[in-house]
Amino acid sequence: MTITDEIRVLCARLNISMAELARRLGSSPQSLSAKMSRKSFTVEELEKIAEVTNTSFVRKFVLLNGEEI
């Protein structure tokens, strides 16, 4: 699943439209749509999406032995 797919699932689960997400981010729906098409989100942008949707964004590497970095 791509980050774009995950954002769409997040919005569906929270019952908010992509236009509403764009509004919360202070962006236009067209701008968000373009980012979604390019799948070009920075970690900071993903953290902002989590903030405006009152969720958490977790990023980490996990070694094969289960150790988290």
C-alpha atoms as a PDB file:
ATOM      1  CA  MET A   1       0.000   0.000   0.000  1.00  0.00           C
ATOM      2  CA  THR A   2       1.409   3.397  -0.960  1.00  0.00           C
ATOM      3  CA  ILE A   3       1.328   6.446   1.296  1.00  0.00           C
ATOM      4  CA  THR A   4      -1.365   7.867  -0.987  1.00  0.00           C
ATOM      5  CA  ASP A   5      -3.480   4.753  -0.407  1.00  0.00           C
ATOM      6  CA  GLU A   6      -2.924   5.066   3.334  1.00  0.00           C
ATOM      7  CA  ILE A   7      -4.047   8.718   3.313  1.00  0.00           C
ATOM      8  CA  ARG A   8      -7.189   7.756   1.382  1.00  0.00           C
ATOM      9  CA  VAL A   9      -7.949   4.976   3.884  1.00  0.00           C
ATOM     10  CA  LEU A  10      -7.349   7.393   6.763  1.00  0.00           C
ATOM     11  CA  CYS A  11      -9.833   9.875   5.297  1.00  0.00           C
ATOM     12  CA  ALA A  12     -12.382   7.142   4.644  1.00  0.00           C
ATOM     13  CA  ARG A  13     -12.057   5.811   8.201  1.00  0.00           C
ATOM     14  CA  LEU A  14     -12.431   9.339   9.607  1.00  0.00           C
ATOM     15  CA  ASN A  15     -15.276  10.117   7.214  1.00  0.00           C
ATOM     16  CA  ILE A  16     -13.599  13.237   5.810  1.00  0.00           C
ATOM     17  CA  SER A  17     -13.203  14.133   2.158  1.00  0.00           C
ATOM     18  CA  MET A  18      -9.915  14.900   0.475  1.00  0.00           C
ATOM     19  CA  ALA A  19     -11.170  18.472   0.063  1.00  0.00           C
ATOM     20  CA  GLU A  20     -11.724  18.669   3.830  1.00  0.00           C
ATOM     21  CA  LEU A  21      -8.233  17.318   4.466  1.00  0.00           C
ATOM     22  CA  ALA A  22      -6.815  19.952   2.117  1.00  0.00           C
ATOM     23  CA  ARG A  23      -8.744  22.671   3.944  1.00  0.00           C
ATOM     24  CA  ARG A  24      -7.417  21.482   7.303  1.00  0.00           C
ATOM     25  CA  LEU A  25      -3.894  21.548   5.893  1.00  0.00           C
ATOM     26  CA  GLY A  26      -4.367  25.090   4.608  1.00  0.00           C
ATOM     27  CA  SER A  27      -4.038  23.876   1.039  1.00  0.00           C
ATOM     28  CA  SER A  28      -6.244  23.739  -2.021  1.00  0.00           C
ATOM     29  CA  PRO A  29      -7.871  20.465  -3.063  1.00  0.00           C
ATOM     30  CA  GLN A  30      -6.010  20.746  -6.388  1.00  0.00           C
ATOM     31  CA  SER A  31      -2.651  21.050  -4.629  1.00  0.00           C
ATOM     32  CA  LEU A  32      -3.349  18.058  -2.393  1.00  0.00           C
ATOM     33  CA  SER A  33      -4.564  16.063  -5.389  1.00  0.00           C
ATOM     34  CA  ALA A  34      -1.316  16.816  -7.229  1.00  0.00           C
ATOM     35  CA  LYS A  35       0.746  15.681  -4.227  1.00  0.00           C
ATOM     36  CA  MET A  36      -1.342  12.521  -4.001  1.00  0.00           C
ATOM     37  CA  SER A  37      -0.726  11.809  -7.699  1.00  0.00           C
ATOM     38  CA  ARG A  38       3.025  12.296  -7.304  1.00  0.00           C
ATOM     39  CA  LYS A  39       3.146  10.439  -3.955  1.00  0.00           C
ATOM     40  CA  SER A  40       5.564  13.144  -2.868  1.00  0.00           C
ATOM     41  CA  PHE A  41       4.990  13.738   0.834  1.00  0.00           C
ATOM     42  CA  THR A  42       7.734  14.732   3.234  1.00  0.00           C
ATOM     43  CA  VAL A  43       7.834  13.339   6.751  1.00  0.00           C
ATOM     44  CA  GLU A  44       6.879  16.799   7.998  1.00  0.00           C
ATOM     45  CA  GLU A  45       3.802  16.837   5.744  1.00  0.00           C
ATOM     46  CA  LEU A  46       2.754  13.401   6.989  1.00  0.00           C
ATOM     47  CA  GLU A  47       3.171  14.596  10.571  1.00  0.00           C
ATOM     48  CA  LYS A  48       0.970  17.613   9.724  1.00  0.00           C
ATOM     49  CA  ILE A  49      -1.687  15.300   8.270  1.00  0.00           C
ATOM     50  CA  ALA A  50      -1.616  13.333  11.527  1.00  0.00           C
ATOM     51  CA  GLU A  51      -1.914  16.553  13.518  1.00  0.00           C
ATOM     52  CA  VAL A  52      -4.927  17.894  11.609  1.00  0.00           C
ATOM     53  CA  THR A  53      -6.689  14.504  11.742  1.00  0.00           C
ATOM     54  CA  ASN A  54      -5.931  14.004  15.441  1.00  0.00           C
ATOM     55  CA  THR A  55      -4.013  10.798  14.739  1.00  0.00           C
ATOM     56  CA  SER A  56      -0.409   9.664  15.116  1.00  0.00           C
ATOM     57  CA  PHE A  57       2.166   9.142  12.385  1.00  0.00           C
ATOM     58  CA  VAL A  58       4.840   6.619  13.357  1.00  0.00           C
ATOM     59  CA  ARG A  59       8.017   6.176  11.369  1.00  0.00           C
ATOM     60  CA  LYS A  60      10.774   3.737  12.216  1.00  0.00           C
ATOM     61  CA  PHE A  61      13.101   1.115  10.880  1.00  0.00           C
ATOM     62  CA  VAL A  62      12.845  -2.386  12.306  1.00  0.00           C
ATOM     63  CA  LEU A  63      15.757  -4.809  11.975  1.00  0.00           C
ATOM     64  CA  LEU A  64      15.099  -8.449  11.081  1.00  0.00           C
ATOM     65  CA  ASN A  65      15.667  -9.388  14.721  1.00  0.00           C
ATOM     66  CA  GLY A  66      12.785  -7.084  15.692  1.00  0.00           C
ATOM     67  CA  GLU A  67      14.972  -4.305  17.098  1.00  0.00           C
ATOM     68  CA  GLU A  68      13.555  -0.865  16.366  1.00  0.00           C
ATOM     69  CA  ILE A  69      15.829   1.996  15.391  1.00  0.00           C
END
